[in-house]
Amino acid sequence: MEEILEKTLLFDFYGELLTDHQRAFYEDVVFNDMSLSEAAEVYGITRQGAHDLLRRCDRMLEGYEARLHLVSRFSNLRRITREMGALLDSGDTGSGTFEALKGKYSELLAEI
């Protein structure tokens, strides 16, 4: 499950950087559960070619993330905003909550 989530996030952020052919193939195999044999037949390539294309797309998406870090920044921002929301929902209006929120806000600003 974790792998599918990671592939989904990478594709959401960087999928437009793939060619139309790569993008369609990747969607079919990863998201539409098409087997490599089925994809090979549909796209007119060998099964080994389908496997290579899938690996190439994965490496390209991972390479973009290694250089740009958009997915990791997004994940960190989501985590911080969830933590801030939990602090606000706690109902504690004391100075401890304010200081915690201030710290999370500073952490959030540092990520941007």
PDB file of N, CA and C in Angstrom:
ATOM      1  N   MET A   1       0.829  -1.202   0.000  1.00  0.00           N
ATOM      2  CA  MET A   1       0.000   0.000   0.000  1.00  0.00           C
ATOM      3  C   MET A   1       0.865   1.254   0.000  1.00  0.00           C
ATOM      4  N   GLU A   2       1.900   1.225   0.815  1.00  0.00           N
ATOM      5  CA  GLU A   2       2.808   2.371   0.910  1.00  0.00           C
ATOM      6  C   GLU A   2       3.448   2.681  -0.446  1.00  0.00           C
ATOM      7  N   GLU A   3       3.812   1.623  -1.178  1.00  0.00           N
ATOM      8  CA  GLU A   3       4.448   1.805  -2.480  1.00  0.00           C
ATOM      9  C   GLU A   3       3.492   2.461  -3.469  1.00  0.00           C
ATOM     10  N   ILE A   4       2.233   2.051  -3.458  1.00  0.00           N
ATOM     11  CA  ILE A   4       1.236   2.648  -4.359  1.00  0.00           C
ATOM     12  C   ILE A   4       1.037   4.120  -4.014  1.00  0.00           C
ATOM     13  N   LEU A   5       0.970   4.439  -2.727  1.00  0.00           N
ATOM     14  CA  LEU A   5       0.818   5.832  -2.310  1.00  0.00           C
ATOM     15  C   LEU A   5       2.001   6.669  -2.776  1.00  0.00           C
ATOM     16  N   GLU A   6       3.213   6.132  -2.624  1.00  0.00           N
ATOM     17  CA  GLU A   6       4.401   6.857  -3.063  1.00  0.00           C
ATOM     18  C   GLU A   6       4.387   7.069  -4.572  1.00  0.00           C
ATOM     19  N   LYS A   7       4.037   6.016  -5.323  1.00  0.00           N
ATOM     20  CA  LYS A   7       3.974   6.144  -6.781  1.00  0.00           C
ATOM     21  C   LYS A   7       2.903   7.152  -7.193  1.00  0.00           C
ATOM     22  N   THR A   8       1.790   7.151  -6.480  1.00  0.00           N
ATOM     23  CA  THR A   8       0.711   8.091  -6.789  1.00  0.00           C
ATOM     24  C   THR A   8       1.164   9.527  -6.570  1.00  0.00           C
ATOM     25  N   LEU A   9       1.813   9.781  -5.443  1.00  0.00           N
ATOM     26  CA  LEU A   9       2.297  11.137  -5.171  1.00  0.00           C
ATOM     27  C   LEU A   9       3.340  11.567  -6.194  1.00  0.00           C
ATOM     28  N   LEU A  10       4.275  10.686  -6.495  1.00  0.00           N
ATOM     29  CA  LEU A  10       5.297  11.022  -7.497  1.00  0.00           C
ATOM     30  C   LEU A  10       4.650  11.329  -8.839  1.00  0.00           C
ATOM     31  N   PHE A  11       3.682  10.508  -9.230  1.00  0.00           N
ATOM     32  CA  PHE A  11       3.006  10.734 -10.505  1.00  0.00           C
ATOM     33  C   PHE A  11       2.200  12.028 -10.482  1.00  0.00           C
ATOM     34  N   ASP A  12       1.528  12.304  -9.356  1.00  0.00           N
ATOM     35  CA  ASP A  12       0.747  13.538  -9.254  1.00  0.00           C
ATOM     36  C   ASP A  12       1.628  14.770  -9.410  1.00  0.00           C
ATOM     37  N   PHE A  13       2.792  14.729  -8.828  1.00  0.00           N
ATOM     38  CA  PHE A  13       3.678  15.890  -8.878  1.00  0.00           C
ATOM     39  C   PHE A  13       4.476  15.981 -10.171  1.00  0.00           C
ATOM     40  N   TYR A  14       4.928  14.853 -10.693  1.00  0.00           N
ATOM     41  CA  TYR A  14       5.864  14.876 -11.813  1.00  0.00           C
ATOM     42  C   TYR A  14       5.361  14.178 -13.077  1.00  0.00           C
ATOM     43  N   GLY A  15       4.162  13.639 -13.059  1.00  0.00           N
ATOM     44  CA  GLY A  15       3.649  12.895 -14.204  1.00  0.00           C
ATOM     45  C   GLY A  15       3.613  13.702 -15.490  1.00  0.00           C
ATOM     46  N   GLU A  16       3.374  14.982 -15.375  1.00  0.00           N
ATOM     47  CA  GLU A  16       3.318  15.836 -16.573  1.00  0.00           C
ATOM     48  C   GLU A  16       4.680  15.967 -17.247  1.00  0.00           C
ATOM     49  N   LEU A  17       5.738  15.587 -16.559  1.00  0.00           N
ATOM     50  CA  LEU A  17       7.076  15.658 -17.145  1.00  0.00           C
ATOM     51  C   LEU A  17       7.402  14.424 -17.984  1.00  0.00           C
ATOM     52  N   LEU A  18       6.546  13.400 -17.901  1.00  0.00           N
ATOM     53  CA  LEU A  18       6.696  12.224 -18.759  1.00  0.00           C
ATOM     54  C   LEU A  18       6.084  12.524 -20.118  1.00  0.00           C
ATOM     55  N   THR A  19       6.496  11.769 -21.126  1.00  0.00           N
ATOM     56  CA  THR A  19       5.864  11.935 -22.438  1.00  0.00           C
ATOM     57  C   THR A  19       4.433  11.403 -22.365  1.00  0.00           C
ATOM     58  N   ASP A  20       3.615  11.739 -23.344  1.00  0.00           N
ATOM     59  CA  ASP A  20       2.233  11.254 -23.371  1.00  0.00           C
ATOM     60  C   ASP A  20       2.197   9.720 -23.369  1.00  0.00           C
ATOM     61  N   HIS A  21       3.084   9.128 -24.142  1.00  0.00           N
ATOM     62  CA  HIS A  21       3.153   7.664 -24.221  1.00  0.00           C
ATOM     63  C   HIS A  21       3.529   7.074 -22.863  1.00  0.00           C
ATOM     64  N   GLN A  22       4.555   7.612 -22.218  1.00  0.00           N
ATOM     65  CA  GLN A  22       4.980   7.118 -20.909  1.00  0.00           C
ATOM     66  C   GLN A  22       3.877   7.301 -19.868  1.00  0.00           C
ATOM     67  N   ARG A  23       3.249   8.466 -19.910  1.00  0.00           N
ATOM     68  CA  ARG A  23       2.203   8.772 -18.934  1.00  0.00           C
ATOM     69  C   ARG A  23       1.016   7.808 -19.073  1.00  0.00           C
ATOM     70  N   ALA A  24       0.569   7.568 -20.298  1.00  0.00           N
ATOM     71  CA  ALA A  24      -0.559   6.658 -20.535  1.00  0.00           C
ATOM     72  C   ALA A  24      -0.196   5.231 -20.109  1.00  0.00           C
ATOM     73  N   PHE A  25       0.990   4.798 -20.476  1.00  0.00           N
ATOM     74  CA  PHE A  25       1.448   3.460 -20.103  1.00  0.00           C
ATOM     75  C   PHE A  25       1.515   3.318 -18.581  1.00  0.00           C
ATOM     76  N   TYR A  26       2.102   4.289 -17.918  1.00  0.00           N
ATOM     77  CA  TYR A  26       2.253   4.244 -16.463  1.00  0.00           C
ATOM     78  C   TYR A  26       0.890   4.210 -15.772  1.00  0.00           C
ATOM     79  N   GLU A  27      -0.038   5.032 -16.230  1.00  0.00           N
ATOM     80  CA  GLU A  27      -1.388   5.025 -15.663  1.00  0.00           C
ATOM     81  C   GLU A  27      -2.048   3.657 -15.818  1.00  0.00           C
ATOM     82  N   ASP A  28      -1.904   3.075 -17.006  1.00  0.00           N
ATOM     83  CA  ASP A  28      -2.527   1.772 -17.248  1.00  0.00           C
ATOM     84  C   ASP A  28      -1.938   0.690 -16.342  1.00  0.00           C
ATOM     85  N   VAL A  29      -0.632   0.640 -16.234  1.00  0.00           N
ATOM     86  CA  VAL A  29       0.012  -0.432 -15.479  1.00  0.00           C
ATOM     87  C   VAL A  29      -0.115  -0.215 -13.972  1.00  0.00           C
ATOM     88  N   VAL A  30       0.161   0.995 -13.508  1.00  0.00           N
ATOM     89  CA  VAL A  30       0.205   1.238 -12.063  1.00  0.00           C
ATOM     90  C   VAL A  30      -1.183   1.481 -11.481  1.00  0.00           C
ATOM     91  N   PHE A  31      -1.974   2.294 -12.132  1.00  0.00           N
ATOM     92  CA  PHE A  31      -3.253   2.707 -11.543  1.00  0.00           C
ATOM     93  C   PHE A  31      -4.454   1.900 -12.033  1.00  0.00           C
ATOM     94  N   ASN A  32      -4.366   1.371 -13.245  1.00  0.00           N
ATOM     95  CA  ASN A  32      -5.485   0.601 -13.788  1.00  0.00           C
ATOM     96  C   ASN A  32      -5.234  -0.903 -13.708  1.00  0.00           C
ATOM     97  N   ASP A  33      -4.193  -1.292 -13.013  1.00  0.00           N
ATOM     98  CA  ASP A  33      -3.866  -2.712 -12.773  1.00  0.00           C
ATOM     99  C   ASP A  33      -3.754  -3.544 -14.043  1.00  0.00           C
ATOM    100  N   MET A  34      -3.248  -2.955 -15.099  1.00  0.00           N
ATOM    101  CA  MET A  34      -3.030  -3.718 -16.324  1.00  0.00           C
ATOM    102  C   MET A  34      -1.726  -4.504 -16.146  1.00  0.00           C
ATOM    103  N   SER A  35      -1.738  -5.768 -16.515  1.00  0.00           N
ATOM    104  CA  SER A  35      -0.515  -6.564 -16.404  1.00  0.00           C
ATOM    105  C   SER A  35       0.495  -6.109 -17.455  1.00  0.00           C
ATOM    106  N   LEU A  36       1.750  -6.454 -17.232  1.00  0.00           N
ATOM    107  CA  LEU A  36       2.777  -6.084 -18.210  1.00  0.00           C
ATOM    108  C   LEU A  36       2.520  -6.766 -19.551  1.00  0.00           C
ATOM    109  N   SER A  37       1.996  -7.977 -19.529  1.00  0.00           N
ATOM    110  CA  SER A  37       1.677  -8.678 -20.781  1.00  0.00           C
ATOM    111  C   SER A  37       0.562  -7.963 -21.540  1.00  0.00           C
ATOM    112  N   GLU A  38      -0.468  -7.544 -20.800  1.00  0.00           N
ATOM    113  CA  GLU A  38      -1.571  -6.798 -21.430  1.00  0.00           C
ATOM    114  C   GLU A  38      -1.071  -5.465 -21.977  1.00  0.00           C
ATOM    115  N   ALA A  39      -0.277  -4.776 -21.203  1.00  0.00           N
ATOM    116  CA  ALA A  39       0.255  -3.485 -21.642  1.00  0.00           C
ATOM    117  C   ALA A  39       1.144  -3.649 -22.868  1.00  0.00           C
ATOM    118  N   ALA A  40       1.948  -4.695 -22.869  1.00  0.00           N
ATOM    119  CA  ALA A  40       2.822  -4.955 -24.016  1.00  0.00           C
ATOM    120  C   ALA A  40       1.994  -5.136 -25.285  1.00  0.00           C
ATOM    121  N   GLU A  41       0.896  -5.869 -25.161  1.00  0.00           N
ATOM    122  CA  GLU A  41       0.032  -6.101 -26.316  1.00  0.00           C
ATOM    123  C   GLU A  41      -0.630  -4.805 -26.777  1.00  0.00           C
ATOM    124  N   VAL A  42      -1.146  -4.031 -25.831  1.00  0.00           N
ATOM    125  CA  VAL A  42      -1.836  -2.782 -26.164  1.00  0.00           C
ATOM    126  C   VAL A  42      -0.882  -1.770 -26.798  1.00  0.00           C
ATOM    127  N   TYR A  43       0.335  -1.677 -26.264  1.00  0.00           N
ATOM    128  CA  TYR A  43       1.276  -0.665 -26.737  1.00  0.00           C
ATOM    129  C   TYR A  43       2.219  -1.182 -27.828  1.00  0.00           C
ATOM    130  N   GLY A  44       2.034  -2.434 -28.230  1.00  0.00           N
ATOM    131  CA  GLY A  44       2.813  -2.977 -29.345  1.00  0.00           C
ATOM    132  C   GLY A  44       4.289  -3.149 -29.035  1.00  0.00           C
ATOM    133  N   ILE A  45       4.587  -3.565 -27.806  1.00  0.00           N
ATOM    134  CA  ILE A  45       5.972  -3.810 -27.417  1.00  0.00           C
ATOM    135  C   ILE A  45       6.050  -5.193 -26.771  1.00  0.00           C
ATOM    136  N   THR A  46       7.258  -5.639 -26.528  1.00  0.00           N
ATOM    137  CA  THR A  46       7.411  -6.932 -25.863  1.00  0.00           C
ATOM    138  C   THR A  46       7.136  -6.773 -24.372  1.00  0.00           C
ATOM    139  N   ARG A  47       6.953  -7.895 -23.693  1.00  0.00           N
ATOM    140  CA  ARG A  47       6.750  -7.855 -22.251  1.00  0.00           C
ATOM    141  C   ARG A  47       7.990  -7.286 -21.571  1.00  0.00           C
ATOM    142  N   GLN A  48       9.164  -7.657 -22.059  1.00  0.00           N
ATOM    143  CA  GLN A  48      10.413  -7.103 -21.504  1.00  0.00           C
ATOM    144  C   GLN A  48      10.477  -5.595 -21.745  1.00  0.00           C
ATOM    145  N   GLY A  49      10.014  -5.164 -22.914  1.00  0.00           N
ATOM    146  CA  GLY A  49       9.968  -3.732 -23.202  1.00  0.00           C
ATOM    147  C   GLY A  49       9.024  -3.004 -22.262  1.00  0.00           C
ATOM    148  N   ALA A  50       7.900  -3.641 -21.943  1.00  0.00           N
ATOM    149  CA  ALA A  50       6.942  -3.051 -21.002  1.00  0.00           C
ATOM    150  C   ALA A  50       7.569  -2.944 -19.615  1.00  0.00           C
ATOM    151  N   HIS A  51       8.264  -3.992 -19.204  1.00  0.00           N
ATOM    152  CA  HIS A  51       8.944  -3.976 -17.905  1.00  0.00           C
ATOM    153  C   HIS A  51       9.991  -2.864 -17.862  1.00  0.00           C
ATOM    154  N   ASP A  52      10.782  -2.750 -18.920  1.00  0.00           N
ATOM    155  CA  ASP A  52      11.816  -1.708 -18.981  1.00  0.00           C
ATOM    156  C   ASP A  52      11.202  -0.312 -18.953  1.00  0.00           C
ATOM    157  N   LEU A  53      10.102  -0.130 -19.673  1.00  0.00           N
ATOM    158  CA  LEU A  53       9.438   1.175 -19.707  1.00  0.00           C
ATOM    159  C   LEU A  53       8.898   1.548 -18.331  1.00  0.00           C
ATOM    160  N   LEU A  54       8.314   0.585 -17.633  1.00  0.00           N
ATOM    161  CA  LEU A  54       7.820   0.844 -16.284  1.00  0.00           C
ATOM    162  C   LEU A  54       8.967   1.242 -15.359  1.00  0.00           C
ATOM    163  N   ARG A  55      10.067   0.513 -15.408  1.00  0.00           N
ATOM    164  CA  ARG A  55      11.224   0.833 -14.555  1.00  0.00           C
ATOM    165  C   ARG A  55      11.808   2.203 -14.914  1.00  0.00           C
ATOM    166  N   ARG A  56      11.856   2.515 -16.201  1.00  0.00           N
ATOM    167  CA  ARG A  56      12.383   3.812 -16.638  1.00  0.00           C
ATOM    168  C   ARG A  56      11.508   4.952 -16.115  1.00  0.00           C
ATOM    169  N   CYS A  57      10.197   4.780 -16.200  1.00  0.00           N
ATOM    170  CA  CYS A  57       9.280   5.803 -15.680  1.00  0.00           C
ATOM    171  C   CYS A  57       9.459   5.975 -14.177  1.00  0.00           C
ATOM    172  N   ASP A  58       9.548   4.850 -13.451  1.00  0.00           N
ATOM    173  CA  ASP A  58       9.771   4.922 -12.004  1.00  0.00           C
ATOM    174  C   ASP A  58      11.067   5.674 -11.683  1.00  0.00           C
ATOM    175  N   ARG A  59      12.134   5.342 -12.402  1.00  0.00           N
ATOM    176  CA  ARG A  59      13.426   6.016 -12.156  1.00  0.00           C
ATOM    177  C   ARG A  59      13.345   7.500 -12.484  1.00  0.00           C
ATOM    178  N   MET A  60      12.636   7.847 -13.545  1.00  0.00           N
ATOM    179  CA  MET A  60      12.507   9.259 -13.910  1.00  0.00           C
ATOM    180  C   MET A  60      11.759  10.032 -12.824  1.00  0.00           C
ATOM    181  N   LEU A  61      10.634   9.478 -12.367  1.00  0.00           N
ATOM    182  CA  LEU A  61       9.846  10.140 -11.329  1.00  0.00           C
ATOM    183  C   LEU A  61      10.648  10.263 -10.030  1.00  0.00           C
ATOM    184  N   GLU A  62      11.369   9.204  -9.663  1.00  0.00           N
ATOM    185  CA  GLU A  62      12.204   9.253  -8.460  1.00  0.00           C
ATOM    186  C   GLU A  62      13.356  10.247  -8.621  1.00  0.00           C
ATOM    187  N   GLY A  63      13.885  10.343  -9.832  1.00  0.00           N
ATOM    188  CA  GLY A  63      14.954  11.307 -10.107  1.00  0.00           C
ATOM    189  C   GLY A  63      14.481  12.744  -9.960  1.00  0.00           C
ATOM    190  N   TYR A  64      13.279  13.022 -10.445  1.00  0.00           N
ATOM    191  CA  TYR A  64      12.725  14.368 -10.274  1.00  0.00           C
ATOM    192  C   TYR A  64      12.569  14.692  -8.790  1.00  0.00           C
ATOM    193  N   GLU A  65      12.085  13.727  -8.020  1.00  0.00           N
ATOM    194  CA  GLU A  65      11.919  13.950  -6.580  1.00  0.00           C
ATOM    195  C   GLU A  65      13.270  14.150  -5.902  1.00  0.00           C
ATOM    196  N   ALA A  66      14.276  13.412  -6.321  1.00  0.00           N
ATOM    197  CA  ALA A  66      15.610  13.546  -5.722  1.00  0.00           C
ATOM    198  C   ALA A  66      16.180  14.955  -5.954  1.00  0.00           C
ATOM    199  N   ARG A  67      15.825  15.553  -7.078  1.00  0.00           N
ATOM    200  CA  ARG A  67      16.324  16.898  -7.378  1.00  0.00           C
ATOM    201  C   ARG A  67      15.438  18.011  -6.830  1.00  0.00           C
ATOM    202  N   LEU A  68      14.121  17.811  -6.872  1.00  0.00           N
ATOM    203  CA  LEU A  68      13.197  18.898  -6.545  1.00  0.00           C
ATOM    204  C   LEU A  68      12.572  18.804  -5.150  1.00  0.00           C
ATOM    205  N   HIS A  69      12.434  17.615  -4.608  1.00  0.00           N
ATOM    206  CA  HIS A  69      11.909  17.388  -3.254  1.00  0.00           C
ATOM    207  C   HIS A  69      10.498  17.928  -3.029  1.00  0.00           C
ATOM    208  N   LEU A  70       9.686  17.988  -4.059  1.00  0.00           N
ATOM    209  CA  LEU A  70       8.333  18.524  -3.905  1.00  0.00           C
ATOM    210  C   LEU A  70       7.440  17.609  -3.078  1.00  0.00           C
ATOM    211  N   VAL A  71       7.552  16.304  -3.274  1.00  0.00           N
ATOM    212  CA  VAL A  71       6.716  15.365  -2.528  1.00  0.00           C
ATOM    213  C   VAL A  71       7.088  15.379  -1.051  1.00  0.00           C
ATOM    214  N   SER A  72       8.379  15.390  -0.742  1.00  0.00           N
ATOM    215  CA  SER A  72       8.780  15.401   0.670  1.00  0.00           C
ATOM    216  C   SER A  72       8.373  16.708   1.342  1.00  0.00           C
ATOM    217  N   ARG A  73       8.475  17.816   0.633  1.00  0.00           N
ATOM    218  CA  ARG A  73       8.025  19.096   1.206  1.00  0.00           C
ATOM    219  C   ARG A  73       6.522  19.073   1.451  1.00  0.00           C
ATOM    220  N   PHE A  74       5.783  18.556   0.483  1.00  0.00           N
ATOM    221  CA  PHE A  74       4.335  18.444   0.616  1.00  0.00           C
ATOM    222  C   PHE A  74       3.968  17.585   1.822  1.00  0.00           C
ATOM    223  N   SER A  75       4.633  16.447   1.962  1.00  0.00           N
ATOM    224  CA  SER A  75       4.356  15.545   3.085  1.00  0.00           C
ATOM    225  C   SER A  75       4.663  16.210   4.423  1.00  0.00           C
ATOM    226  N   ASN A  76       5.773  16.934   4.488  1.00  0.00           N
ATOM    227  CA  ASN A  76       6.122  17.647   5.722  1.00  0.00           C
ATOM    228  C   ASN A  76       5.105  18.734   6.051  1.00  0.00           C
ATOM    229  N   LEU A  77       4.684  19.470   5.046  1.00  0.00           N
ATOM    230  CA  LEU A  77       3.696  20.526   5.272  1.00  0.00           C
ATOM    231  C   LEU A  77       2.369  19.941   5.741  1.00  0.00           C
ATOM    232  N   ARG A  78       1.990  18.808   5.145  1.00  0.00           N
ATOM    233  CA  ARG A  78       0.761  18.130   5.584  1.00  0.00           C
ATOM    234  C   ARG A  78       0.856  17.680   7.033  1.00  0.00           C
ATOM    235  N   ARG A  79       1.994  17.116   7.397  1.00  0.00           N
ATOM    236  CA  ARG A  79       2.205  16.655   8.765  1.00  0.00           C
ATOM    237  C   ARG A  79       2.147  17.824   9.750  1.00  0.00           C
ATOM    238  N   ILE A  80       2.797  18.917   9.415  1.00  0.00           N
ATOM    239  CA  ILE A  80       2.830  20.081  10.305  1.00  0.00           C
ATOM    240  C   ILE A  80       1.438  20.679  10.454  1.00  0.00           C
ATOM    241  N   THR A  81       0.708  20.810   9.351  1.00  0.00           N
ATOM    242  CA  THR A  81      -0.636  21.395   9.458  1.00  0.00           C
ATOM    243  C   THR A  81      -1.578  20.482  10.231  1.00  0.00           C
ATOM    244  N   ARG A  82      -1.417  19.157  10.102  1.00  0.00           N
ATOM    245  CA  ARG A  82      -2.212  18.227  10.918  1.00  0.00           C
ATOM    246  C   ARG A  82      -1.904  18.418  12.403  1.00  0.00           C
ATOM    247  N   GLU A  83      -0.625  18.550  12.723  1.00  0.00           N
ATOM    248  CA  GLU A  83      -0.227  18.751  14.117  1.00  0.00           C
ATOM    249  C   GLU A  83      -0.771  20.077  14.652  1.00  0.00           C
ATOM    250  N   MET A  84      -0.737  21.118  13.819  1.00  0.00           N
ATOM    251  CA  MET A  84      -1.283  22.415  14.233  1.00  0.00           C
ATOM    252  C   MET A  84      -2.787  22.301  14.452  1.00  0.00           C
ATOM    253  N   GLY A  85      -3.461  21.589  13.563  1.00  0.00           N
ATOM    254  CA  GLY A  85      -4.900  21.389  13.720  1.00  0.00           C
ATOM    255  C   GLY A  85      -5.225  20.636  14.994  1.00  0.00           C
ATOM    256  N   ALA A  86      -4.409  19.621  15.310  1.00  0.00           N
ATOM    257  CA  ALA A  86      -4.629  18.860  16.542  1.00  0.00           C
ATOM    258  C   ALA A  86      -4.436  19.749  17.763  1.00  0.00           C
ATOM    259  N   LEU A  87      -3.460  20.633  17.715  1.00  0.00           N
ATOM    260  CA  LEU A  87      -3.246  21.559  18.826  1.00  0.00           C
ATOM    261  C   LEU A  87      -4.436  22.496  18.986  1.00  0.00           C
ATOM    262  N   LEU A  88      -4.959  22.988  17.878  1.00  0.00           N
ATOM    263  CA  LEU A  88      -6.110  23.886  17.939  1.00  0.00           C
ATOM    264  C   LEU A  88      -7.360  23.149  18.422  1.00  0.00           C
ATOM    265  N   ASP A  89      -7.518  21.904  17.984  1.00  0.00           N
ATOM    266  CA  ASP A  89      -8.683  21.111  18.379  1.00  0.00           C
ATOM    267  C   ASP A  89      -8.633  20.662  19.828  1.00  0.00           C
ATOM    268  N   SER A  90      -7.457  20.699  20.429  1.00  0.00           N
ATOM    269  CA  SER A  90      -7.326  20.212  21.809  1.00  0.00           C
ATOM    270  C   SER A  90      -8.131  21.064  22.786  1.00  0.00           C
ATOM    271  N   GLY A  91      -8.436  22.298  22.399  1.00  0.00           N
ATOM    272  CA  GLY A  91      -9.243  23.164  23.246  1.00  0.00           C
ATOM    273  C   GLY A  91      -8.468  23.833  24.363  1.00  0.00           C
ATOM    274  N   ASP A  92      -7.213  23.480  24.513  1.00  0.00           N
ATOM    275  CA  ASP A  92      -6.382  24.099  25.548  1.00  0.00           C
ATOM    276  C   ASP A  92      -5.988  25.495  25.081  1.00  0.00           C
ATOM    277  N   THR A  93      -6.409  26.498  25.795  1.00  0.00           N
ATOM    278  CA  THR A  93      -6.109  27.882  25.405  1.00  0.00           C
ATOM    279  C   THR A  93      -4.962  28.457  26.222  1.00  0.00           C
ATOM    280  N   GLY A  94      -4.269  27.600  26.932  1.00  0.00           N
ATOM    281  CA  GLY A  94      -3.166  28.061  27.767  1.00  0.00           C
ATOM    282  C   GLY A  94      -1.966  28.472  26.942  1.00  0.00           C
ATOM    283  N   SER A  95      -0.985  29.033  27.620  1.00  0.00           N
ATOM    284  CA  SER A  95       0.202  29.517  26.928  1.00  0.00           C
ATOM    285  C   SER A  95       1.015  28.376  26.331  1.00  0.00           C
ATOM    286  N   GLY A  96       0.896  27.160  26.887  1.00  0.00           N
ATOM    287  CA  GLY A  96       1.618  26.012  26.334  1.00  0.00           C
ATOM    288  C   GLY A  96       1.177  25.711  24.915  1.00  0.00           C
ATOM    289  N   THR A  97      -0.129  25.784  24.673  1.00  0.00           N
ATOM    290  CA  THR A  97      -0.650  25.540  23.330  1.00  0.00           C
ATOM    291  C   THR A  97      -0.214  26.646  22.385  1.00  0.00           C
ATOM    292  N   PHE A  98      -0.240  27.892  22.873  1.00  0.00           N
ATOM    293  CA  PHE A  98       0.190  29.007  22.046  1.00  0.00           C
ATOM    294  C   PHE A  98       1.650  28.842  21.649  1.00  0.00           C
ATOM    295  N   GLU A  99       2.486  28.458  22.584  1.00  0.00           N
ATOM    296  CA  GLU A  99       3.911  28.269  22.290  1.00  0.00           C
ATOM    297  C   GLU A  99       4.111  27.113  21.317  1.00  0.00           C
ATOM    298  N   ALA A 100       3.333  26.043  21.503  1.00  0.00           N
ATOM    299  CA  ALA A 100       3.427  24.901  20.590  1.00  0.00           C
ATOM    300  C   ALA A 100       2.997  25.312  19.182  1.00  0.00           C
ATOM    301  N   LEU A 101       1.901  26.073  19.089  1.00  0.00           N
ATOM    302  CA  LEU A 101       1.443  26.555  17.782  1.00  0.00           C
ATOM    303  C   LEU A 101       2.470  27.474  17.135  1.00  0.00           C
ATOM    304  N   LYS A 102       3.046  28.326  17.946  1.00  0.00           N
ATOM    305  CA  LYS A 102       4.069  29.260  17.457  1.00  0.00           C
ATOM    306  C   LYS A 102       5.265  28.471  16.911  1.00  0.00           C
ATOM    307  N   GLY A 103       5.648  27.416  17.615  1.00  0.00           N
ATOM    308  CA  GLY A 103       6.750  26.573  17.152  1.00  0.00           C
ATOM    309  C   GLY A 103       6.414  25.865  15.852  1.00  0.00           C
ATOM    310  N   LYS A 104       5.204  25.323  15.752  1.00  0.00           N
ATOM    311  CA  LYS A 104       4.772  24.645  14.529  1.00  0.00           C
ATOM    312  C   LYS A 104       4.669  25.630  13.366  1.00  0.00           C
ATOM    313  N   TYR A 105       4.196  26.835  13.667  1.00  0.00           N
ATOM    314  CA  TYR A 105       4.096  27.865  12.632  1.00  0.00           C
ATOM    315  C   TYR A 105       5.490  28.227  12.114  1.00  0.00           C
ATOM    316  N   SER A 106       6.445  28.347  13.016  1.00  0.00           N
ATOM    317  CA  SER A 106       7.817  28.639  12.612  1.00  0.00           C
ATOM    318  C   SER A 106       8.386  27.502  11.762  1.00  0.00           C
ATOM    319  N   GLU A 107       8.070  26.265  12.149  1.00  0.00           N
ATOM    320  CA  GLU A 107       8.514  25.094  11.396  1.00  0.00           C
ATOM    321  C   GLU A 107       7.876  25.102  10.004  1.00  0.00           C
ATOM    322  N   LEU A 108       6.608  25.458   9.941  1.00  0.00           N
ATOM    323  CA  LEU A 108       5.910  25.536   8.663  1.00  0.00           C
ATOM    324  C   LEU A 108       6.522  26.600   7.753  1.00  0.00           C
ATOM    325  N   LEU A 109       6.801  27.764   8.317  1.00  0.00           N
ATOM    326  CA  LEU A 109       7.417  28.827   7.524  1.00  0.00           C
ATOM    327  C   LEU A 109       8.808  28.438   7.022  1.00  0.00           C
ATOM    328  N   ALA A 110       9.536  27.701   7.833  1.00  0.00           N
ATOM    329  CA  ALA A 110      10.871  27.263   7.418  1.00  0.00           C
ATOM    330  C   ALA A 110      10.802  26.318   6.233  1.00  0.00           C
ATOM    331  N   GLU A 111       9.706  25.540   6.117  1.00  0.00           N
ATOM    332  CA  GLU A 111       9.544  24.605   5.012  1.00  0.00           C
ATOM    333  C   GLU A 111       9.234  25.324   3.706  1.00  0.00           C
ATOM    334  N   ILE A 112       8.634  26.492   3.801  1.00  0.00           N
ATOM    335  CA  ILE A 112       8.221  27.224   2.599  1.00  0.00           C
ATOM    336  C   ILE A 112       9.349  27.978   2.036  1.00  0.00           C
TER     337      ILE A 112
END
